[in-house]
Structure formats: C-alpha cells, structure tokens
Amino acid sequence: MPSASSAVSDFGRTDLPSLWRDGDFRRLWVGQTASQLGEHGSLVVLPLIAVLTLDADADQLGVLRAAGQAPILLLSLFVGARVDRWQTRTVMVLADLGRALALGGAVVAGLLGGLGLSALLLAAFAVGSLSVFFDVAYQASLVRLVTRDQLMQGNSALEGSRSAAQIGGPALGGALVSLLSAPIAAASSALFFALSFLSIRRIRRRESIPERSKRPLRVWRRIHEGLRFVVGHTLLRTVGLASAAFQFSFAAMMTVYLLFLPRELHLSGTTVGLALAATGPGALLGSLLAARLPSRFGYGVVLVSAAALGDGVLVCVPALHGPSAVVIPALVAVNFVFGTFGQLVNVTVMAVRQAVTPDRMQGRVAATITFVGMGLTPLGSLLGGFLAGEWGLRTSLLVTAGGMMLSPVLMALSPLARLGRALPDIGQARPARLNCPFSEG
C-alpha cells in the first residue's frame, strides 16, 4: 500500500498539511467541530437540567436519554440509504439548522416558564434524529474528499475536533446549567449548531457522488444491500458486534454515572462537567496516537489493547469514596484514560471500516454499523435507570461498567485482532459464502 506521504490527494497535495491549506477542508473541520460541541454539550445539558432543575428521578432520566438515542434505532438504516445518493454538505447543513431550531424552541419554553420534562423529551428526540443525519453524512463526506491513503490522517483530524468538543461541551454545559440558567445552557448548544451551519454551507467544491444506476434500487433494497454487505464481511461484522456490546453497556453506565456523580459523590453541575470534560484532552491524545501506533504495532494489537484499557478503567469508578479533593482528581484521571484509549479505538476502527468499503456503500455501511452498534442504546439507558432504582448506584455502576469489557473480548476472538500494520484492502477478510440470509455468495 502506498504511504500517506506518497499519495496524491484530491486536493492536489501530497501530505496532511495540504488538507489544512485547503479552504473547503478547513470549513468542513470547523463545522464538524462546532457541531460536535453542540451535540456533546446537549448530551450533558439536557440530563443535567432534568436532574438539577426538574429533580428528575432515575427512571425519568433513563427515559430522557432513551428519547435522544431512539432515532439511532429508528432512522440509521434509512439515512444511510439516502446519504449515498445525496450531497453530504446539504445533509449536514440542514441537520445543523434543524438542531439549532429544536434547542431554540427549548430556550423559548424556558424563558416562558414552560421548560418541563416533556419539552426536554421533544428537544432530545429532535436533536438525536438530526444528529443521525449529520453523523452519517460527515463520515461519508471524508471519503469523497480525500484519498484512501489519507483516511487515517483525515480521520485523526476530524476525530481530533471531536476531542475539542469533549473538552468544551460538557464543561461549558455543566457550568452554564449550574451558574446561570437552563435556557442559557440550551442556547449555547444551539449557537454551536448555527456556527456549524454557517461554516459547512460555505464549502464550494462539488462532491463526487458515486454514479447512480439507470434503475435505482428502492430504499428498502438499498438498506438490505447495506445490511447484507456488513453481515457478509468478517471485519465489519465484528466491528458491529463489538460496538453493540460497548454502546449498550455504555448507555446503561452513563445513565447511572450521571446520577452517581451529583447524588453519591455530591458534585455540583460545574464539577460534573469538568470531570466529564477530562475525556477531551485524553481523546485529543488518542487522535494523535492513532496516526502512529497502528502502522507501528499493527491495527489488531492496537484495537484490542486500547479497548481493554479504555473500558477497563471505568470499573474503578464505583470504588471512589472520600472528600472532593480526592475524588475529583481520580475522576479526571479515569476519564482521561478512557478518552485516550476510546478515541484510539474510534479512529482506528473508522479507518479500517472506510478502507474495506467501496465508495458507493460508504453511507449505508456507516449507517448500518451505527444501527447495529447503537440501536440498543435506548434500551441500555432504560436498563441503567431501572438498575439504579433497584440495586443502588454503586452496584449498578459496577455491573454496567463491567459489561463494557465484552467489546474487547469480541475483538480479541475475531480476525480483527490479527490485522497487521497496513490498512486492509476492499474485500479483505470476507468469506466466500456465509450461511445467513444476507450472504453475498
């Protein structure tokens, strides 16, 4: 495989800095960063408003988080089938505009004194639905803008922006909920979505959309084709199963976690935001490591070891006791380690997935992996709320964090663990025939 430094990019340059010199790539990066700031901020702002302002109980918090995650299950496959045939720039711009308006509605409701749980549920569902469109589109957009040999570096840049969101989003959201008011906290995320809208709409280059057939498949046939491709590909199937195990347990764990920090450890909204934001610097480090470690030690070794370390560190959280001077540094350390290795896994998996997927299938494969990996997260959130009410916060946190360890186990038992130092080719690790309804034959 040609090295990234020798590959000629679609922008007419030969290395990563050429991406930064390209105005359209910078606009994509700025827009994606702002969008992720709004998304990560809202993921913390809305639950904290429910817990600290509306005094929501464990079951209500579980329902609120499930409302934001349900669109992943309901819409992912449909969105993937459509994005492969649309301009990703248009999809991202409309998604940003819709999310800004949805949170703007929550701001108006708060200012009029009507910001209750029902308004939060509506806002969470709307933001979650439009985030499905944006996330599938931005993943597909990178493949249309850079060459295959630049995928790891391009993903490192975009995932690095997500790291900035993990730094600023939770910290800013938690501080605004605690220090100012719920409407202002919701308005901050709406402003980030507006900034993303303004940046991405200025991208000038017309995308190269995979050629459409003369008789395009109906949407359900296109969805079926995406499912069939993922199920019939050993590497992609493993990515989907490992992601499902992680995301289900992580959703349950986060529901308990957001109750555990303020109610068991007695942390303020500002402190909760700052503790969660520690994943951001770790994720930034993970993005940098992802550009180097897989090509040095092998993609498989990096994936399995990083997943085991990143998920395993969260098992330590239920043991935390004592004064804030002890608990807060420990939480920061745990979240930093989780952010570092979690981001290393994210970037590496995305590069592998994009490398083995034909251009015409990128949107559907991204959506199928999202559907398989995150489709059960609403049930995970509901389970977390149920366990917290029945078993107590510490026990529930230990059980749900322990469940996340199934993900590295699945990776270690699969061909994914045996990947070498180079990205696999399209079709690699796909069996000739599978005894399943979606077999490629």
Protein backbone atom coordinates (compact mmCIF):
# COMPACT_ATOMS: atom_id res chain seq x y z
CA MET A 1 0.00 0.00 0.00
CA PRO A 2 1.42 3.43 -0.84
CA SER A 3 2.30 5.52 2.15
CA ALA A 4 0.19 8.54 3.06
CA SER A 5 3.12 10.79 2.23
CA SER A 6 3.33 9.47 -1.31
CA ALA A 7 -0.35 9.50 -2.11
CA VAL A 8 -1.67 12.34 -4.23
CA SER A 9 -4.79 13.76 -2.62
CA ASP A 10 -7.91 15.01 -4.34
CA PHE A 11 -6.83 18.47 -3.26
CA GLY A 12 -3.68 18.27 -5.39
CA ARG A 13 -1.27 17.92 -2.43
CA THR A 14 0.75 15.02 -1.13
CA ASP A 15 0.56 15.19 2.68
CA LEU A 16 -1.77 16.08 5.52
CA PRO A 17 -0.78 19.76 5.78
CA SER A 18 -2.21 20.15 2.27
CA LEU A 19 -5.59 19.39 3.78
CA TRP A 20 -5.19 22.29 6.17
CA ARG A 21 -4.20 24.59 3.32
CA ASP A 22 -7.41 23.71 1.52
CA GLY A 23 -10.20 26.11 2.44
CA ASP A 24 -13.00 23.60 1.94
CA PHE A 25 -11.38 21.06 4.26
CA ARG A 26 -10.94 23.75 6.89
CA ARG A 27 -14.61 24.68 6.58
CA LEU A 28 -15.60 21.04 6.99
CA TRP A 29 -13.33 20.74 10.03
CA VAL A 30 -14.63 23.93 11.68
CA GLY A 31 -18.23 22.95 11.00
CA GLN A 32 -17.77 19.44 12.32
CA THR A 33 -16.03 20.76 15.44
CA ALA A 34 -18.84 23.21 16.18
CA SER A 35 -21.47 20.55 15.50
CA GLN A 36 -19.79 18.12 17.87
CA LEU A 37 -19.53 20.83 20.52
CA GLY A 38 -23.27 21.39 20.25
CA GLU A 39 -24.03 17.67 20.29
CA HIS A 40 -21.76 16.80 23.23
CA GLY A 41 -22.93 19.85 25.10
CA SER A 42 -26.59 18.90 24.69
CA LEU A 43 -25.89 15.33 25.83
CA VAL A 44 -24.82 16.77 29.20
CA VAL A 45 -27.02 19.88 29.35
CA LEU A 46 -30.38 18.17 28.89
CA PRO A 47 -29.83 15.42 31.53
CA LEU A 48 -28.34 17.93 34.00
CA ILE A 49 -31.30 20.24 33.54
CA ALA A 50 -33.57 17.28 34.30
CA VAL A 51 -31.58 16.19 37.38
CA LEU A 52 -30.63 19.55 38.89
CA THR A 53 -33.52 21.79 37.80
CA LEU A 54 -36.51 19.47 37.40
CA ASP A 55 -35.39 16.95 40.09
CA ALA A 56 -35.89 14.01 37.72
CA ASP A 57 -35.62 10.52 39.21
CA ALA A 58 -33.64 7.60 37.79
CA ASP A 59 -36.49 6.30 35.60
CA GLN A 60 -37.20 9.76 34.14
CA LEU A 61 -33.53 10.30 33.35
CA GLY A 62 -33.43 6.92 31.63
CA VAL A 63 -36.46 7.87 29.50
CA LEU A 64 -34.88 11.24 28.60
CA ARG A 65 -31.63 9.66 27.46
CA ALA A 66 -33.56 6.97 25.58
CA ALA A 67 -35.54 9.66 23.74
CA GLY A 68 -32.30 11.14 22.40
CA GLN A 69 -30.95 7.74 21.39
CA ALA A 70 -34.10 6.17 19.90
CA PRO A 71 -33.58 7.85 16.48
CA ILE A 72 -30.43 5.78 16.03
CA LEU A 73 -32.57 2.66 16.04
CA LEU A 74 -35.42 4.20 14.05
CA LEU A 75 -33.56 6.17 11.38
CA SER A 76 -29.98 4.96 10.86
CA LEU A 77 -30.60 2.48 8.05
CA PHE A 78 -32.93 4.81 6.16
CA VAL A 79 -30.46 7.69 6.48
CA GLY A 80 -27.58 5.57 5.22
CA ALA A 81 -29.53 4.51 2.13
CA ARG A 82 -30.30 8.14 1.34
CA VAL A 83 -26.93 9.72 2.12
CA ASP A 84 -25.18 7.57 -0.51
CA ARG A 85 -27.32 9.39 -3.11
CA TRP A 86 -27.25 12.92 -1.66
CA GLN A 87 -24.75 15.73 -1.32
CA THR A 88 -23.39 15.27 2.20
CA ARG A 89 -22.89 19.04 2.50
CA THR A 90 -26.64 19.58 2.08
CA VAL A 91 -27.47 16.92 4.65
CA MET A 92 -25.10 18.40 7.25
CA VAL A 93 -26.34 21.97 6.71
CA LEU A 94 -30.00 21.01 7.11
CA ALA A 95 -29.24 18.89 10.18
CA ASP A 96 -27.41 21.80 11.83
CA LEU A 97 -30.26 24.19 11.09
CA GLY A 98 -32.86 21.79 12.48
CA ARG A 99 -30.93 21.15 15.70
CA ALA A 100 -30.44 24.87 16.27
CA LEU A 101 -34.17 25.43 15.88
CA ALA A 102 -35.06 22.50 18.18
CA LEU A 103 -32.87 23.76 21.01
CA GLY A 104 -34.03 27.30 20.30
CA GLY A 105 -37.56 26.08 20.98
CA ALA A 106 -36.40 24.72 24.34
CA VAL A 107 -34.84 28.12 25.11
CA VAL A 108 -38.14 29.90 24.35
CA ALA A 109 -40.04 27.39 26.50
CA GLY A 110 -37.62 28.03 29.36
CA LEU A 111 -37.92 31.80 29.09
CA LEU A 112 -41.71 31.50 29.14
CA GLY A 113 -41.58 29.24 32.19
CA GLY A 114 -42.70 26.13 30.33
CA LEU A 115 -39.45 24.12 30.21
CA GLY A 116 -40.64 20.84 31.70
CA LEU A 117 -39.71 17.21 31.14
CA SER A 118 -41.98 16.95 28.09
CA ALA A 119 -40.18 19.85 26.38
CA LEU A 120 -36.82 18.24 27.15
CA LEU A 121 -38.05 14.94 25.70
CA LEU A 122 -39.09 16.66 22.46
CA ALA A 123 -35.80 18.54 22.20
CA ALA A 124 -33.76 15.41 22.90
CA PHE A 125 -35.64 13.40 20.25
CA ALA A 126 -35.31 16.14 17.63
CA VAL A 127 -31.60 16.68 18.26
CA GLY A 128 -30.99 12.93 18.28
CA SER A 129 -32.84 12.45 14.99
CA LEU A 130 -30.94 15.18 13.16
CA SER A 131 -27.63 14.06 14.68
CA VAL A 132 -28.11 10.71 12.93
CA PHE A 133 -28.24 12.55 9.59
CA PHE A 134 -25.21 14.70 10.39
CA ASP A 135 -23.01 11.88 11.74
CA VAL A 136 -23.62 9.55 8.80
CA ALA A 137 -23.09 12.40 6.33
CA TYR A 138 -19.82 13.68 7.78
CA GLN A 139 -18.32 10.18 7.82
CA ALA A 140 -19.28 9.68 4.17
CA SER A 141 -18.08 13.17 3.23
CA LEU A 142 -14.46 12.50 4.18
CA VAL A 143 -14.23 9.56 1.77
CA ARG A 144 -15.41 11.84 -1.05
CA LEU A 145 -12.78 14.48 -0.23
CA VAL A 146 -9.56 12.55 0.42
CA THR A 147 -7.79 9.51 -0.98
CA ARG A 148 -7.81 6.12 0.69
CA ASP A 149 -4.23 6.58 1.92
CA GLN A 150 -5.22 9.76 3.73
CA LEU A 151 -8.14 8.23 5.62
CA MET A 152 -6.24 7.61 8.85
CA GLN A 153 -4.80 11.13 8.86
CA GLY A 154 -8.08 12.71 7.83
CA ASN A 155 -9.96 10.80 10.50
CA SER A 156 -7.37 11.85 13.06
CA ALA A 157 -8.05 15.48 12.17
CA LEU A 158 -11.83 15.18 12.32
CA GLU A 159 -11.82 12.98 15.41
CA GLY A 160 -9.44 15.46 16.99
CA SER A 161 -12.17 18.05 16.57
CA ARG A 162 -14.50 15.71 18.41
CA SER A 163 -11.92 15.74 21.19
CA ALA A 164 -12.24 19.50 21.40
CA ALA A 165 -15.99 19.01 21.70
CA GLN A 166 -15.49 16.59 24.56
CA ILE A 167 -13.31 19.16 26.30
CA GLY A 168 -15.55 22.19 25.81
CA GLY A 169 -19.06 20.75 25.50
CA PRO A 170 -19.53 19.05 28.89
CA ALA A 171 -17.56 21.68 30.81
CA LEU A 172 -19.44 24.60 29.28
CA GLY A 173 -22.82 22.90 29.54
CA GLY A 174 -22.34 21.87 33.16
CA ALA A 175 -21.10 25.32 34.16
CA LEU A 176 -23.98 27.14 32.43
CA VAL A 177 -26.63 24.90 34.00
CA SER A 178 -25.09 25.38 37.44
CA LEU A 179 -24.12 29.07 37.32
CA LEU A 180 -26.69 30.69 35.03
CA SER A 181 -29.95 29.16 33.83
CA ALA A 182 -31.34 26.23 31.88
CA PRO A 183 -32.36 28.33 28.84
CA ILE A 184 -28.85 29.82 28.52
CA ALA A 185 -27.32 26.34 28.76
CA ALA A 186 -29.57 25.09 25.96
CA ALA A 187 -28.85 28.24 23.91
CA SER A 188 -25.10 27.53 23.97
CA SER A 189 -25.59 24.27 22.06
CA ALA A 190 -27.98 25.96 19.62
CA LEU A 191 -25.30 28.59 18.86
CA PHE A 192 -22.73 25.89 18.09
CA PHE A 193 -25.12 24.25 15.63
CA ALA A 194 -25.66 27.65 13.99
CA LEU A 195 -21.89 28.13 13.65
CA SER A 196 -21.57 24.70 12.04
CA PHE A 197 -24.35 25.62 9.60
CA LEU A 198 -22.55 28.82 8.59
CA SER A 199 -19.20 27.07 8.09
CA ILE A 200 -20.30 23.98 6.17
CA ARG A 201 -22.61 25.87 3.83
CA ARG A 202 -19.53 27.81 2.60
CA ILE A 203 -17.88 24.67 1.20
CA ARG A 204 -17.53 25.34 -2.52
CA ARG A 205 -16.23 22.09 -4.01
CA ARG A 206 -18.88 19.90 -5.58
CA GLU A 207 -18.77 16.38 -4.25
CA SER A 208 -18.09 13.37 -6.37
CA ILE A 209 -21.14 11.21 -5.69
CA PRO A 210 -20.87 7.53 -6.72
CA GLU A 211 -22.58 7.01 -10.07
CA ARG A 212 -26.23 6.06 -9.84
CA SER A 213 -27.62 3.14 -11.78
CA LYS A 214 -30.17 3.76 -14.53
CA ARG A 215 -32.78 1.96 -12.45
CA PRO A 216 -32.00 2.95 -8.86
CA LEU A 217 -32.91 0.46 -6.15
CA ARG A 218 -35.81 1.22 -3.88
CA VAL A 219 -34.86 2.41 -0.44
CA TRP A 220 -35.57 -0.93 1.24
CA ARG A 221 -33.45 -2.76 -1.33
CA ARG A 222 -30.62 -0.32 -0.65
CA ILE A 223 -30.97 -0.83 3.09
CA HIS A 224 -30.94 -4.61 2.54
CA GLU A 225 -27.81 -4.28 0.41
CA GLY A 226 -26.03 -2.38 3.19
CA LEU A 227 -27.04 -4.92 5.84
CA ARG A 228 -26.00 -7.77 3.59
CA PHE A 229 -22.61 -6.24 2.92
CA VAL A 230 -21.84 -5.71 6.63
CA VAL A 231 -23.10 -9.13 7.75
CA GLY A 232 -21.17 -10.81 4.93
CA HIS A 233 -17.87 -9.11 5.78
CA THR A 234 -15.96 -10.62 8.69
CA LEU A 235 -14.25 -7.42 9.79
CA LEU A 236 -17.34 -5.22 9.53
CA ARG A 237 -19.50 -7.80 11.26
CA THR A 238 -17.07 -7.90 14.17
CA VAL A 239 -16.96 -4.10 14.35
CA GLY A 240 -20.76 -4.05 14.55
CA LEU A 241 -20.99 -6.70 17.27
CA ALA A 242 -18.21 -5.19 19.39
CA SER A 243 -19.76 -1.75 19.02
CA ALA A 244 -23.17 -3.09 20.06
CA ALA A 245 -21.74 -4.67 23.21
CA PHE A 246 -19.90 -1.47 24.12
CA GLN A 247 -22.68 1.02 23.33
CA PHE A 248 -25.44 -0.92 25.12
CA SER A 249 -23.37 -1.20 28.31
CA PHE A 250 -22.04 2.36 27.97
CA ALA A 251 -25.57 3.78 27.67
CA ALA A 252 -26.62 1.96 30.82
CA MET A 253 -23.44 3.01 32.61
CA MET A 254 -23.81 6.71 31.67
CA THR A 255 -27.37 6.85 33.00
CA VAL A 256 -26.11 5.59 36.35
CA TYR A 257 -22.96 7.73 36.12
CA LEU A 258 -24.90 10.99 35.70
CA LEU A 259 -26.81 10.14 38.89
CA PHE A 260 -23.79 8.79 40.75
CA LEU A 261 -21.68 11.94 40.42
CA PRO A 262 -24.11 14.50 41.88
CA ARG A 263 -26.02 12.26 44.29
CA GLU A 264 -23.47 9.74 45.57
CA LEU A 265 -20.32 11.86 45.32
CA HIS A 266 -22.20 15.16 45.89
CA LEU A 267 -20.56 17.02 42.99
CA SER A 268 -22.02 20.25 41.59
CA GLY A 269 -23.07 20.65 37.96
CA THR A 270 -19.89 22.61 37.23
CA THR A 271 -17.69 19.90 38.76
CA VAL A 272 -19.57 17.15 36.90
CA GLY A 273 -19.00 18.98 33.62
CA LEU A 274 -15.30 19.48 34.32
CA ALA A 275 -14.83 15.84 35.35
CA LEU A 276 -16.53 14.58 32.18
CA ALA A 277 -14.55 17.07 30.10
CA ALA A 278 -11.33 15.29 31.11
CA THR A 279 -12.13 12.78 28.36
CA GLY A 280 -11.42 15.57 25.89
CA PRO A 281 -7.65 16.01 26.43
CA GLY A 282 -7.39 12.22 26.52
CA ALA A 283 -9.30 11.93 23.25
CA LEU A 284 -7.02 14.53 21.68
CA LEU A 285 -4.01 12.42 22.69
CA GLY A 286 -5.77 9.33 21.36
CA SER A 287 -6.26 11.02 17.98
CA LEU A 288 -2.56 11.79 17.79
CA LEU A 289 -1.61 8.25 18.77
CA ALA A 290 -3.98 6.83 16.16
CA ALA A 291 -1.93 8.41 13.38
CA ARG A 292 1.17 6.49 14.53
CA LEU A 293 0.55 3.39 16.65
CA PRO A 294 -1.42 1.15 14.21
CA SER A 295 1.23 1.40 11.49
CA ARG A 296 3.92 0.63 14.05
CA PHE A 297 2.39 -2.15 16.17
CA GLY A 298 -0.45 -3.37 13.96
CA TYR A 299 -4.10 -2.40 13.73
CA GLY A 300 -5.31 -5.53 15.52
CA VAL A 301 -2.99 -5.21 18.52
CA VAL A 302 -3.85 -1.54 18.94
CA LEU A 303 -7.61 -2.13 18.72
CA VAL A 304 -7.76 -4.94 21.28
CA SER A 305 -5.33 -3.47 23.82
CA ALA A 306 -6.78 0.06 23.62
CA ALA A 307 -10.34 -1.22 24.03
CA ALA A 308 -9.37 -3.33 27.06
CA LEU A 309 -7.54 -0.46 28.78
CA GLY A 310 -10.11 2.22 27.96
CA ASP A 311 -13.15 0.19 29.01
CA GLY A 312 -11.45 -1.44 31.97
CA VAL A 313 -10.55 1.81 33.71
CA LEU A 314 -14.24 2.67 34.25
CA VAL A 315 -14.63 -0.36 36.51
CA CYS A 316 -12.63 1.64 39.08
CA VAL A 317 -15.25 4.41 39.38
CA PRO A 318 -17.69 2.61 41.75
CA ALA A 319 -14.88 2.29 44.32
CA LEU A 320 -14.44 6.07 44.66
CA HIS A 321 -15.10 7.49 48.13
CA GLY A 322 -13.94 10.39 50.22
CA PRO A 323 -13.67 14.17 50.00
CA SER A 324 -13.80 16.09 46.74
CA ALA A 325 -10.06 16.76 46.92
CA VAL A 326 -9.52 13.02 46.44
CA VAL A 327 -12.48 12.09 44.26
CA ILE A 328 -12.19 14.81 41.62
CA PRO A 329 -8.52 14.12 40.62
CA ALA A 330 -9.34 10.40 40.48
CA LEU A 331 -12.32 11.05 38.20
CA VAL A 332 -10.22 13.29 35.97
CA ALA A 333 -7.57 10.57 35.68
CA VAL A 334 -10.14 7.87 34.89
CA ASN A 335 -11.86 9.99 32.25
CA PHE A 336 -8.54 10.99 30.70
CA VAL A 337 -7.50 7.34 30.29
CA PHE A 338 -10.94 6.42 28.96
CA GLY A 339 -10.81 9.29 26.48
CA THR A 340 -7.32 8.42 25.27
CA PHE A 341 -7.89 4.76 24.52
CA GLY A 342 -11.51 5.16 23.49
CA GLN A 343 -10.52 7.70 20.85
CA LEU A 344 -7.67 5.49 19.68
CA VAL A 345 -10.21 2.73 19.07
CA ASN A 346 -12.68 5.09 17.36
CA VAL A 347 -10.19 6.47 14.84
CA THR A 348 -8.64 3.09 14.07
CA VAL A 349 -11.98 1.34 13.59
CA MET A 350 -13.26 4.11 11.34
CA ALA A 351 -10.18 3.91 9.11
CA VAL A 352 -10.50 0.12 8.82
CA ARG A 353 -14.21 0.38 8.04
CA GLN A 354 -13.71 3.03 5.37
CA ALA A 355 -10.79 1.14 3.81
CA VAL A 356 -12.73 -2.09 3.24
CA THR A 357 -15.91 -0.37 1.98
CA PRO A 358 -16.47 0.67 -1.66
CA ASP A 359 -17.28 4.36 -2.16
CA ARG A 360 -20.84 3.65 -3.30
CA MET A 361 -21.53 1.87 0.02
CA GLN A 362 -19.91 4.29 2.49
CA GLY A 363 -23.12 5.92 3.73
CA ARG A 364 -25.01 2.64 4.08
CA VAL A 365 -22.14 0.88 5.85
CA ALA A 366 -21.67 3.81 8.25
CA ALA A 367 -25.40 3.80 8.99
CA THR A 368 -25.58 0.01 9.34
CA ILE A 369 -22.68 -0.02 11.80
CA THR A 370 -24.38 2.82 13.69
CA PHE A 371 -27.69 0.92 13.68
CA VAL A 372 -26.12 -2.33 14.87
CA GLY A 373 -23.77 -0.66 17.32
CA MET A 374 -26.06 1.95 18.83
CA GLY A 375 -29.56 0.68 18.08
CA LEU A 376 -29.85 -0.87 21.54
CA THR A 377 -28.66 2.23 23.42
CA PRO A 378 -32.22 3.36 24.28
CA LEU A 379 -32.76 0.01 25.99
CA GLY A 380 -29.38 0.39 27.69
CA SER A 381 -30.37 3.79 29.06
CA LEU A 382 -33.67 2.41 30.34
CA LEU A 383 -31.84 -0.54 31.90
CA GLY A 384 -29.41 1.82 33.63
CA GLY A 385 -32.30 3.79 35.14
CA PHE A 386 -34.01 0.57 36.27
CA LEU A 387 -30.85 -0.87 37.85
CA ALA A 388 -30.07 2.39 39.63
CA GLY A 389 -33.52 2.35 41.23
CA GLU A 390 -33.44 -1.35 42.13
CA TRP A 391 -29.80 -2.13 43.01
CA GLY A 392 -28.38 1.20 44.08
CA LEU A 393 -25.89 3.43 42.28
CA ARG A 394 -22.57 1.76 43.15
CA THR A 395 -23.65 -1.79 42.35
CA SER A 396 -25.36 -0.71 39.13
CA LEU A 397 -22.29 1.26 38.06
CA LEU A 398 -20.02 -1.75 38.65
CA VAL A 399 -22.28 -4.11 36.67
CA THR A 400 -22.76 -1.78 33.70
CA ALA A 401 -19.08 -0.80 33.51
CA GLY A 402 -18.12 -4.48 33.67
CA GLY A 403 -20.44 -5.20 30.74
CA MET A 404 -18.35 -2.90 28.54
CA MET A 405 -15.48 -5.41 28.72
CA LEU A 406 -17.36 -7.73 26.36
CA SER A 407 -16.32 -5.46 23.47
CA PRO A 408 -12.53 -6.09 23.63
CA VAL A 409 -13.23 -9.79 24.20
CA LEU A 410 -15.19 -9.99 20.93
CA MET A 411 -12.40 -8.14 19.10
CA ALA A 412 -9.73 -10.47 20.53
CA LEU A 413 -11.60 -13.58 19.34
CA SER A 414 -12.03 -12.30 15.76
CA PRO A 415 -9.88 -11.71 12.63
CA LEU A 416 -9.89 -8.03 13.59
CA ALA A 417 -7.24 -8.83 16.20
CA ARG A 418 -4.94 -10.26 13.51
CA LEU A 419 -4.78 -7.16 11.29
CA GLY A 420 -1.24 -6.06 10.50
CA ARG A 421 0.49 -2.73 10.09
CA ALA A 422 -1.25 -1.76 6.83
CA LEU A 423 -4.91 -0.96 6.25
CA PRO A 424 -6.78 -3.93 4.75
CA ASP A 425 -7.95 -3.83 1.14
CA ILE A 426 -11.54 -3.78 -0.07
CA GLY A 427 -12.88 -7.32 0.22
CA GLN A 428 -10.23 -8.50 2.70
CA ALA A 429 -11.49 -10.90 5.38
CA ARG A 430 -14.74 -11.54 3.53
CA PRO A 431 -15.63 -15.25 3.36
CA ALA A 432 -16.67 -16.74 0.04
CA ARG A 433 -20.07 -17.78 1.40
CA LEU A 434 -21.96 -17.39 4.66
CA ASN A 435 -24.89 -19.49 5.76
CA CYS A 436 -27.08 -16.48 6.51
CA PRO A 437 -29.92 -14.67 4.77
CA PHE A 438 -27.67 -11.81 3.75
CA SER A 439 -24.85 -13.91 2.27
CA GLU A 440 -23.07 -12.30 -0.63
CA GLY A 441 -22.37 -15.65 -2.21
